[in-house]
Amino acid sequence: MGLFGTKLVKVKETTVQECIRMVERFFKSVGANPKQQRLPNTDTLGWWLQRGSAVVYIILNQHDETPTVRIVSPILYLPEDYILPFYRKCLELNMDLINCAFGVSDDKVVLVSERPIDGLDAHELEGTIRYLSGVADNIDNRLSAEFNARMYLDNGR
């Protein structure tokens, strides 16, 4: 028994190869060819998908000890005006998000979720991809209109 009378459960270790197969099955389940969705950069093990106006990237980071899966969607460029109210709005929106958050990378506003692949299963991975991509597609237009922020559109991958 663990702390608080709970049973300790051994988590199944998920390998990078198993995670790759989960991502490929996800793409097949939505009618996409995973090979066509692969990022062309040979230094990055990743895929992309388009959901409405949002581009979403699924990246496997092969850290030495703890490989992770990162799902990230750049949605906007930072607005030129009203930056503090914009940041406040993003922080307020973070309170309602599940398993993802707003962040800033260079001059881009992103939605991001990252977790170690250990214990990851296909249901969790697919749920996270669907949720984050849905939020990105829903919120990008609203924030763009409210703060006159330029949309992030990356058709060249």
N, C-alpha and C. Protein backbone atom coordinates (compact mmCIF):
# COMPACT_ATOMS: atom_id res chain seq x y z
N MET A 1 0.84 -1.18 0.00
CA MET A 1 0.00 0.00 0.00
C MET A 1 0.89 1.25 0.00
N GLY A 2 0.41 2.25 -0.70
CA GLY A 2 1.13 3.50 -0.75
C GLY A 2 0.56 4.48 0.26
N LEU A 3 1.03 5.65 0.20
CA LEU A 3 0.53 6.73 1.05
C LEU A 3 -0.96 6.89 0.87
N PHE A 4 -1.70 7.16 1.92
CA PHE A 4 -3.15 7.35 1.91
C PHE A 4 -3.91 6.06 1.63
N GLY A 5 -3.27 4.89 1.85
CA GLY A 5 -3.95 3.63 1.68
C GLY A 5 -4.18 3.21 0.25
N THR A 6 -3.49 3.84 -0.70
CA THR A 6 -3.67 3.49 -2.10
C THR A 6 -2.66 2.43 -2.50
N LYS A 7 -3.01 1.64 -3.48
CA LYS A 7 -2.09 0.63 -4.00
C LYS A 7 -1.15 1.30 -5.01
N LEU A 8 0.10 0.93 -4.93
CA LEU A 8 1.05 1.41 -5.92
C LEU A 8 0.89 0.58 -7.19
N VAL A 9 0.78 1.25 -8.32
CA VAL A 9 0.57 0.58 -9.59
C VAL A 9 1.80 0.76 -10.44
N LYS A 10 2.33 -0.32 -10.96
CA LYS A 10 3.49 -0.23 -11.86
C LYS A 10 2.99 0.25 -13.22
N VAL A 11 3.62 1.29 -13.72
CA VAL A 11 3.25 1.87 -15.01
C VAL A 11 4.04 1.16 -16.11
N LYS A 12 3.34 0.78 -17.18
CA LYS A 12 3.97 0.13 -18.31
C LYS A 12 4.92 1.11 -18.99
N GLU A 13 6.11 0.65 -19.27
CA GLU A 13 7.06 1.49 -19.98
C GLU A 13 6.73 1.48 -21.47
N THR A 14 6.60 2.66 -22.05
CA THR A 14 6.31 2.80 -23.47
C THR A 14 7.60 3.20 -24.17
N THR A 15 7.94 2.49 -25.23
CA THR A 15 9.16 2.81 -25.96
C THR A 15 8.88 3.85 -27.03
N VAL A 16 9.93 4.44 -27.55
CA VAL A 16 9.80 5.41 -28.64
C VAL A 16 9.15 4.74 -29.84
N GLN A 17 9.53 3.50 -30.15
CA GLN A 17 8.95 2.80 -31.29
C GLN A 17 7.44 2.58 -31.11
N GLU A 18 7.01 2.25 -29.89
CA GLU A 18 5.58 2.10 -29.63
C GLU A 18 4.86 3.42 -29.82
N CYS A 19 5.49 4.51 -29.40
CA CYS A 19 4.88 5.84 -29.55
C CYS A 19 4.76 6.20 -31.03
N ILE A 20 5.77 5.86 -31.82
CA ILE A 20 5.70 6.11 -33.26
C ILE A 20 4.51 5.36 -33.85
N ARG A 21 4.33 4.10 -33.47
CA ARG A 21 3.20 3.32 -33.98
C ARG A 21 1.87 3.93 -33.55
N MET A 22 1.80 4.47 -32.32
CA MET A 22 0.55 5.11 -31.87
C MET A 22 0.23 6.35 -32.72
N VAL A 23 1.25 7.15 -33.01
CA VAL A 23 1.05 8.35 -33.83
C VAL A 23 0.60 7.93 -35.23
N GLU A 24 1.24 6.94 -35.79
CA GLU A 24 0.87 6.48 -37.13
C GLU A 24 -0.56 5.94 -37.16
N ARG A 25 -0.96 5.21 -36.12
CA ARG A 25 -2.34 4.71 -36.05
C ARG A 25 -3.33 5.86 -35.94
N PHE A 26 -2.96 6.91 -35.20
CA PHE A 26 -3.83 8.09 -35.10
C PHE A 26 -4.08 8.68 -36.48
N PHE A 27 -3.01 8.89 -37.25
CA PHE A 27 -3.18 9.48 -38.58
C PHE A 27 -4.03 8.60 -39.47
N LYS A 28 -3.81 7.30 -39.41
CA LYS A 28 -4.63 6.39 -40.21
C LYS A 28 -6.09 6.46 -39.79
N SER A 29 -6.34 6.63 -38.48
CA SER A 29 -7.73 6.69 -37.98
C SER A 29 -8.47 7.93 -38.47
N VAL A 30 -7.73 8.98 -38.81
CA VAL A 30 -8.37 10.20 -39.33
C VAL A 30 -8.25 10.29 -40.84
N GLY A 31 -7.85 9.18 -41.48
CA GLY A 31 -7.79 9.13 -42.94
C GLY A 31 -6.60 9.82 -43.56
N ALA A 32 -5.51 9.97 -42.79
CA ALA A 32 -4.32 10.62 -43.31
C ALA A 32 -3.18 9.61 -43.41
N ASN A 33 -2.28 9.85 -44.34
CA ASN A 33 -1.12 9.00 -44.51
C ASN A 33 -0.01 9.52 -43.59
N PRO A 34 0.40 8.74 -42.59
CA PRO A 34 1.42 9.23 -41.65
C PRO A 34 2.74 9.58 -42.32
N LYS A 35 3.07 8.92 -43.41
CA LYS A 35 4.33 9.23 -44.11
C LYS A 35 4.26 10.62 -44.74
N GLN A 36 3.07 10.99 -45.24
CA GLN A 36 2.92 12.32 -45.84
C GLN A 36 2.86 13.41 -44.76
N GLN A 37 2.54 13.04 -43.54
CA GLN A 37 2.43 14.01 -42.45
C GLN A 37 3.74 14.18 -41.69
N ARG A 38 4.77 13.39 -42.04
CA ARG A 38 6.05 13.49 -41.36
C ARG A 38 6.71 14.83 -41.67
N LEU A 39 7.39 15.38 -40.68
CA LEU A 39 8.15 16.60 -40.89
C LEU A 39 9.37 16.28 -41.74
N PRO A 40 9.69 17.14 -42.70
CA PRO A 40 10.80 16.84 -43.61
C PRO A 40 12.17 16.96 -42.95
N ASN A 41 12.26 17.62 -41.82
CA ASN A 41 13.54 17.82 -41.15
C ASN A 41 14.04 16.49 -40.58
N THR A 42 15.18 16.03 -41.05
CA THR A 42 15.68 14.73 -40.61
C THR A 42 16.20 14.76 -39.17
N ASP A 43 16.40 15.93 -38.61
CA ASP A 43 16.86 16.04 -37.22
C ASP A 43 15.71 15.94 -36.23
N THR A 44 14.47 16.02 -36.72
CA THR A 44 13.30 16.01 -35.85
C THR A 44 12.41 14.83 -36.19
N LEU A 45 12.03 14.08 -35.18
CA LEU A 45 11.09 12.99 -35.36
C LEU A 45 9.71 13.55 -35.05
N GLY A 46 8.96 13.90 -36.11
CA GLY A 46 7.68 14.54 -35.88
C GLY A 46 6.77 14.51 -37.08
N TRP A 47 5.53 14.93 -36.82
CA TRP A 47 4.46 14.96 -37.80
C TRP A 47 3.71 16.27 -37.64
N TRP A 48 2.90 16.60 -38.62
CA TRP A 48 2.06 17.79 -38.55
C TRP A 48 0.65 17.42 -38.99
N LEU A 49 -0.30 18.21 -38.54
CA LEU A 49 -1.67 18.08 -39.01
C LEU A 49 -2.32 19.45 -39.02
N GLN A 50 -3.30 19.59 -39.87
CA GLN A 50 -4.06 20.83 -40.00
C GLN A 50 -5.44 20.59 -39.42
N ARG A 51 -5.88 21.46 -38.52
CA ARG A 51 -7.25 21.40 -38.02
C ARG A 51 -7.83 22.79 -38.15
N GLY A 52 -8.67 22.96 -39.13
CA GLY A 52 -9.22 24.29 -39.39
C GLY A 52 -8.09 25.24 -39.70
N SER A 53 -8.01 26.32 -38.95
CA SER A 53 -6.97 27.32 -39.17
C SER A 53 -5.69 27.02 -38.40
N ALA A 54 -5.68 25.96 -37.61
CA ALA A 54 -4.52 25.67 -36.76
C ALA A 54 -3.65 24.56 -37.34
N VAL A 55 -2.34 24.77 -37.25
CA VAL A 55 -1.36 23.74 -37.59
C VAL A 55 -0.85 23.17 -36.27
N VAL A 56 -0.80 21.85 -36.17
CA VAL A 56 -0.37 21.18 -34.95
C VAL A 56 0.80 20.27 -35.28
N TYR A 57 1.81 20.31 -34.43
CA TYR A 57 2.99 19.47 -34.60
C TYR A 57 3.06 18.46 -33.47
N ILE A 58 3.39 17.24 -33.80
CA ILE A 58 3.58 16.17 -32.82
C ILE A 58 5.04 15.77 -32.92
N ILE A 59 5.80 16.01 -31.86
CA ILE A 59 7.24 15.82 -31.88
C ILE A 59 7.63 14.80 -30.81
N LEU A 60 8.45 13.84 -31.18
CA LEU A 60 9.03 12.92 -30.20
C LEU A 60 10.43 13.41 -29.89
N ASN A 61 10.63 13.81 -28.65
CA ASN A 61 11.93 14.27 -28.20
C ASN A 61 12.63 13.10 -27.53
N GLN A 62 13.72 12.67 -28.10
CA GLN A 62 14.42 11.50 -27.59
C GLN A 62 15.53 11.92 -26.63
N HIS A 63 15.12 12.46 -25.48
CA HIS A 63 16.08 12.81 -24.45
C HIS A 63 16.78 11.54 -23.98
N ASP A 64 17.96 11.68 -23.42
CA ASP A 64 18.73 10.51 -23.00
C ASP A 64 17.96 9.61 -22.05
N GLU A 65 17.40 10.17 -21.00
CA GLU A 65 16.76 9.34 -19.98
C GLU A 65 15.25 9.28 -20.09
N THR A 66 14.63 10.36 -20.53
CA THR A 66 13.18 10.42 -20.53
C THR A 66 12.66 10.95 -21.86
N PRO A 67 12.38 10.08 -22.83
CA PRO A 67 11.80 10.56 -24.08
C PRO A 67 10.40 11.14 -23.81
N THR A 68 10.05 12.19 -24.56
CA THR A 68 8.76 12.84 -24.38
C THR A 68 8.05 12.99 -25.71
N VAL A 69 6.74 13.19 -25.62
CA VAL A 69 5.96 13.58 -26.79
C VAL A 69 5.48 15.00 -26.53
N ARG A 70 5.74 15.87 -27.49
CA ARG A 70 5.34 17.27 -27.39
C ARG A 70 4.36 17.54 -28.51
N ILE A 71 3.20 18.08 -28.14
CA ILE A 71 2.19 18.47 -29.11
C ILE A 71 2.11 19.98 -29.01
N VAL A 72 2.38 20.66 -30.10
CA VAL A 72 2.47 22.12 -30.06
C VAL A 72 1.78 22.71 -31.29
N SER A 73 1.07 23.82 -31.05
CA SER A 73 0.41 24.52 -32.13
C SER A 73 0.69 26.02 -32.01
N PRO A 74 1.54 26.56 -32.89
CA PRO A 74 1.71 28.01 -32.93
C PRO A 74 0.43 28.61 -33.52
N ILE A 75 -0.19 29.54 -32.81
CA ILE A 75 -1.48 30.04 -33.29
C ILE A 75 -1.45 31.50 -33.73
N LEU A 76 -0.62 32.31 -33.10
CA LEU A 76 -0.60 33.75 -33.40
C LEU A 76 0.80 34.30 -33.24
N TYR A 77 1.02 35.47 -33.81
CA TYR A 77 2.19 36.27 -33.47
C TYR A 77 1.75 37.22 -32.36
N LEU A 78 2.66 37.55 -31.49
CA LEU A 78 2.32 38.46 -30.40
C LEU A 78 1.76 39.77 -30.96
N PRO A 79 0.70 40.29 -30.35
CA PRO A 79 0.14 41.55 -30.84
C PRO A 79 1.11 42.70 -30.57
N GLU A 80 1.04 43.70 -31.41
CA GLU A 80 1.92 44.85 -31.24
C GLU A 80 1.43 45.79 -30.14
N ASP A 81 0.14 45.81 -29.90
CA ASP A 81 -0.44 46.68 -28.88
C ASP A 81 -1.14 45.85 -27.81
N TYR A 82 -1.36 46.46 -26.66
CA TYR A 82 -2.13 45.84 -25.57
C TYR A 82 -1.55 44.49 -25.14
N ILE A 83 -0.21 44.44 -25.04
CA ILE A 83 0.44 43.17 -24.74
C ILE A 83 0.10 42.68 -23.33
N LEU A 84 0.03 43.58 -22.34
CA LEU A 84 -0.31 43.13 -20.99
C LEU A 84 -1.73 42.57 -20.90
N PRO A 85 -2.73 43.24 -21.46
CA PRO A 85 -4.07 42.63 -21.45
C PRO A 85 -4.10 41.29 -22.22
N PHE A 86 -3.30 41.21 -23.28
CA PHE A 86 -3.23 39.96 -24.03
C PHE A 86 -2.67 38.83 -23.16
N TYR A 87 -1.55 39.11 -22.47
CA TYR A 87 -0.96 38.09 -21.59
C TYR A 87 -1.94 37.70 -20.48
N ARG A 88 -2.63 38.68 -19.94
CA ARG A 88 -3.60 38.37 -18.88
C ARG A 88 -4.70 37.45 -19.42
N LYS A 89 -5.18 37.74 -20.62
CA LYS A 89 -6.22 36.90 -21.22
C LYS A 89 -5.72 35.46 -21.40
N CYS A 90 -4.48 35.32 -21.86
CA CYS A 90 -3.92 33.97 -22.04
C CYS A 90 -3.80 33.24 -20.71
N LEU A 91 -3.39 33.95 -19.67
CA LEU A 91 -3.29 33.32 -18.34
C LEU A 91 -4.67 32.93 -17.82
N GLU A 92 -5.66 33.79 -18.06
CA GLU A 92 -7.03 33.44 -17.64
C GLU A 92 -7.53 32.22 -18.40
N LEU A 93 -7.24 32.16 -19.69
CA LEU A 93 -7.66 31.00 -20.49
C LEU A 93 -6.95 29.72 -20.03
N ASN A 94 -5.70 29.86 -19.58
CA ASN A 94 -4.96 28.69 -19.08
C ASN A 94 -5.71 27.99 -17.95
N MET A 95 -6.44 28.74 -17.16
CA MET A 95 -7.17 28.16 -16.02
C MET A 95 -8.23 27.16 -16.47
N ASP A 96 -8.72 27.29 -17.69
CA ASP A 96 -9.78 26.41 -18.17
C ASP A 96 -9.28 25.30 -19.09
N LEU A 97 -8.00 25.31 -19.41
CA LEU A 97 -7.45 24.31 -20.32
C LEU A 97 -7.13 23.01 -19.59
N ILE A 98 -7.20 21.91 -20.31
CA ILE A 98 -6.91 20.60 -19.75
C ILE A 98 -5.65 20.06 -20.42
N ASN A 99 -4.62 19.81 -19.65
CA ASN A 99 -3.40 19.16 -20.12
C ASN A 99 -2.70 19.90 -21.26
N CYS A 100 -2.86 21.20 -21.32
CA CYS A 100 -2.09 22.02 -22.25
C CYS A 100 -2.10 23.44 -21.72
N ALA A 101 -1.24 24.28 -22.28
CA ALA A 101 -1.14 25.65 -21.80
C ALA A 101 -0.66 26.56 -22.92
N PHE A 102 -0.94 27.85 -22.75
CA PHE A 102 -0.39 28.86 -23.64
C PHE A 102 1.05 29.11 -23.26
N GLY A 103 1.86 29.39 -24.25
CA GLY A 103 3.24 29.77 -24.04
C GLY A 103 3.66 30.72 -25.15
N VAL A 104 4.89 31.20 -25.06
CA VAL A 104 5.45 32.08 -26.08
C VAL A 104 6.79 31.51 -26.50
N SER A 105 6.98 31.39 -27.80
CA SER A 105 8.24 30.95 -28.37
C SER A 105 8.65 31.98 -29.41
N ASP A 106 9.76 32.64 -29.17
CA ASP A 106 10.18 33.77 -29.99
C ASP A 106 9.04 34.79 -29.99
N ASP A 107 8.47 35.10 -31.15
CA ASP A 107 7.38 36.07 -31.22
C ASP A 107 6.03 35.39 -31.48
N LYS A 108 5.98 34.07 -31.25
CA LYS A 108 4.76 33.30 -31.52
C LYS A 108 4.09 32.85 -30.23
N VAL A 109 2.76 32.89 -30.24
CA VAL A 109 1.94 32.36 -29.15
C VAL A 109 1.62 30.92 -29.53
N VAL A 110 1.85 30.00 -28.59
CA VAL A 110 1.65 28.59 -28.87
C VAL A 110 0.77 27.95 -27.80
N LEU A 111 0.10 26.89 -28.19
CA LEU A 111 -0.51 25.97 -27.24
C LEU A 111 0.40 24.76 -27.21
N VAL A 112 0.69 24.24 -26.02
CA VAL A 112 1.65 23.15 -25.91
C VAL A 112 1.24 22.16 -24.82
N SER A 113 1.51 20.90 -25.11
CA SER A 113 1.36 19.83 -24.13
C SER A 113 2.57 18.92 -24.31
N GLU A 114 3.21 18.55 -23.22
CA GLU A 114 4.35 17.64 -23.30
C GLU A 114 4.34 16.73 -22.09
N ARG A 115 4.64 15.47 -22.33
CA ARG A 115 4.71 14.50 -21.25
C ARG A 115 5.69 13.41 -21.62
N PRO A 116 6.27 12.74 -20.60
CA PRO A 116 7.11 11.58 -20.89
C PRO A 116 6.28 10.51 -21.57
N ILE A 117 6.92 9.72 -22.44
CA ILE A 117 6.16 8.68 -23.13
C ILE A 117 5.93 7.45 -22.26
N ASP A 118 6.67 7.32 -21.17
CA ASP A 118 6.44 6.18 -20.27
C ASP A 118 5.00 6.15 -19.80
N GLY A 119 4.34 5.03 -19.99
CA GLY A 119 2.95 4.87 -19.56
C GLY A 119 1.92 5.45 -20.51
N LEU A 120 2.36 6.10 -21.58
CA LEU A 120 1.44 6.68 -22.54
C LEU A 120 0.72 5.58 -23.30
N ASP A 121 -0.58 5.74 -23.49
CA ASP A 121 -1.30 4.79 -24.34
C ASP A 121 -1.97 5.55 -25.48
N ALA A 122 -2.44 4.81 -26.46
CA ALA A 122 -3.01 5.41 -27.67
C ALA A 122 -4.20 6.30 -27.35
N HIS A 123 -5.04 5.89 -26.40
CA HIS A 123 -6.23 6.67 -26.05
C HIS A 123 -5.83 8.05 -25.52
N GLU A 124 -4.85 8.10 -24.63
CA GLU A 124 -4.40 9.37 -24.07
C GLU A 124 -3.76 10.25 -25.15
N LEU A 125 -2.91 9.64 -25.98
CA LEU A 125 -2.24 10.41 -27.03
C LEU A 125 -3.26 11.01 -27.99
N GLU A 126 -4.20 10.19 -28.47
CA GLU A 126 -5.20 10.69 -29.41
C GLU A 126 -6.09 11.75 -28.76
N GLY A 127 -6.46 11.54 -27.52
CA GLY A 127 -7.28 12.53 -26.82
C GLY A 127 -6.57 13.87 -26.68
N THR A 128 -5.29 13.83 -26.38
CA THR A 128 -4.52 15.06 -26.23
C THR A 128 -4.38 15.78 -27.57
N ILE A 129 -4.12 15.03 -28.64
CA ILE A 129 -4.00 15.64 -29.97
C ILE A 129 -5.33 16.29 -30.36
N ARG A 130 -6.42 15.56 -30.17
CA ARG A 130 -7.73 16.09 -30.56
C ARG A 130 -8.12 17.31 -29.72
N TYR A 131 -7.87 17.26 -28.42
CA TYR A 131 -8.23 18.38 -27.55
C TYR A 131 -7.41 19.62 -27.90
N LEU A 132 -6.08 19.47 -27.94
CA LEU A 132 -5.23 20.63 -28.20
C LEU A 132 -5.52 21.22 -29.57
N SER A 133 -5.68 20.39 -30.58
CA SER A 133 -5.95 20.92 -31.92
C SER A 133 -7.31 21.61 -31.97
N GLY A 134 -8.29 21.09 -31.25
CA GLY A 134 -9.60 21.74 -31.19
C GLY A 134 -9.55 23.09 -30.52
N VAL A 135 -8.82 23.17 -29.40
CA VAL A 135 -8.66 24.45 -28.70
C VAL A 135 -7.94 25.44 -29.61
N ALA A 136 -6.86 24.99 -30.25
CA ALA A 136 -6.09 25.89 -31.13
C ALA A 136 -6.96 26.45 -32.24
N ASP A 137 -7.74 25.58 -32.87
CA ASP A 137 -8.60 26.02 -33.97
C ASP A 137 -9.71 26.95 -33.48
N ASN A 138 -10.17 26.75 -32.28
CA ASN A 138 -11.26 27.55 -31.72
C ASN A 138 -10.77 28.92 -31.25
N ILE A 139 -9.62 28.95 -30.61
CA ILE A 139 -9.21 30.18 -29.92
C ILE A 139 -8.38 31.12 -30.80
N ASP A 140 -7.73 30.62 -31.84
CA ASP A 140 -6.84 31.48 -32.61
C ASP A 140 -7.58 32.65 -33.25
N ASN A 141 -8.72 32.38 -33.86
CA ASN A 141 -9.49 33.47 -34.50
C ASN A 141 -10.01 34.47 -33.47
N ARG A 142 -10.48 33.97 -32.34
CA ARG A 142 -11.03 34.86 -31.30
C ARG A 142 -9.96 35.79 -30.74
N LEU A 143 -8.78 35.24 -30.40
CA LEU A 143 -7.71 36.09 -29.88
C LEU A 143 -7.18 37.04 -30.94
N SER A 144 -7.11 36.58 -32.17
CA SER A 144 -6.65 37.43 -33.26
C SER A 144 -7.56 38.64 -33.42
N ALA A 145 -8.86 38.41 -33.40
CA ALA A 145 -9.82 39.50 -33.56
C ALA A 145 -9.81 40.44 -32.35
N GLU A 146 -9.76 39.87 -31.15
CA GLU A 146 -9.82 40.69 -29.94
C GLU A 146 -8.59 41.58 -29.77
N PHE A 147 -7.40 41.07 -30.16
CA PHE A 147 -6.16 41.82 -29.90
C PHE A 147 -5.43 42.23 -31.17
N ASN A 148 -6.08 42.09 -32.31
CA ASN A 148 -5.48 42.46 -33.59
C ASN A 148 -4.11 41.79 -33.76
N ALA A 149 -4.06 40.50 -33.42
CA ALA A 149 -2.82 39.74 -33.55
C ALA A 149 -2.86 38.95 -34.86
N ARG A 150 -1.74 38.95 -35.54
CA ARG A 150 -1.64 38.25 -36.81
C ARG A 150 -1.66 36.73 -36.58
N MET A 151 -2.45 36.02 -37.39
CA MET A 151 -2.56 34.57 -37.29
C MET A 151 -1.26 33.92 -37.76
N TYR A 152 -0.93 32.79 -37.14
CA TYR A 152 0.19 31.99 -37.58
C TYR A 152 -0.31 30.98 -38.61
N LEU A 153 0.19 31.06 -39.81
CA LEU A 153 -0.19 30.13 -40.87
C LEU A 153 1.10 29.59 -41.46
N ASP A 154 1.32 28.30 -41.33
CA ASP A 154 2.55 27.69 -41.83
C ASP A 154 2.18 26.60 -42.82
N ASN A 155 2.04 26.96 -44.07
CA ASN A 155 1.70 25.97 -45.08
C ASN A 155 2.95 25.29 -45.65
N GLY A 156 4.11 25.84 -45.34
CA GLY A 156 5.33 25.27 -45.90
C GLY A 156 5.96 24.19 -45.03
N ARG A 157 5.54 24.10 -43.79
CA ARG A 157 6.09 23.15 -42.84
C ARG A 157 7.57 23.19 -42.87
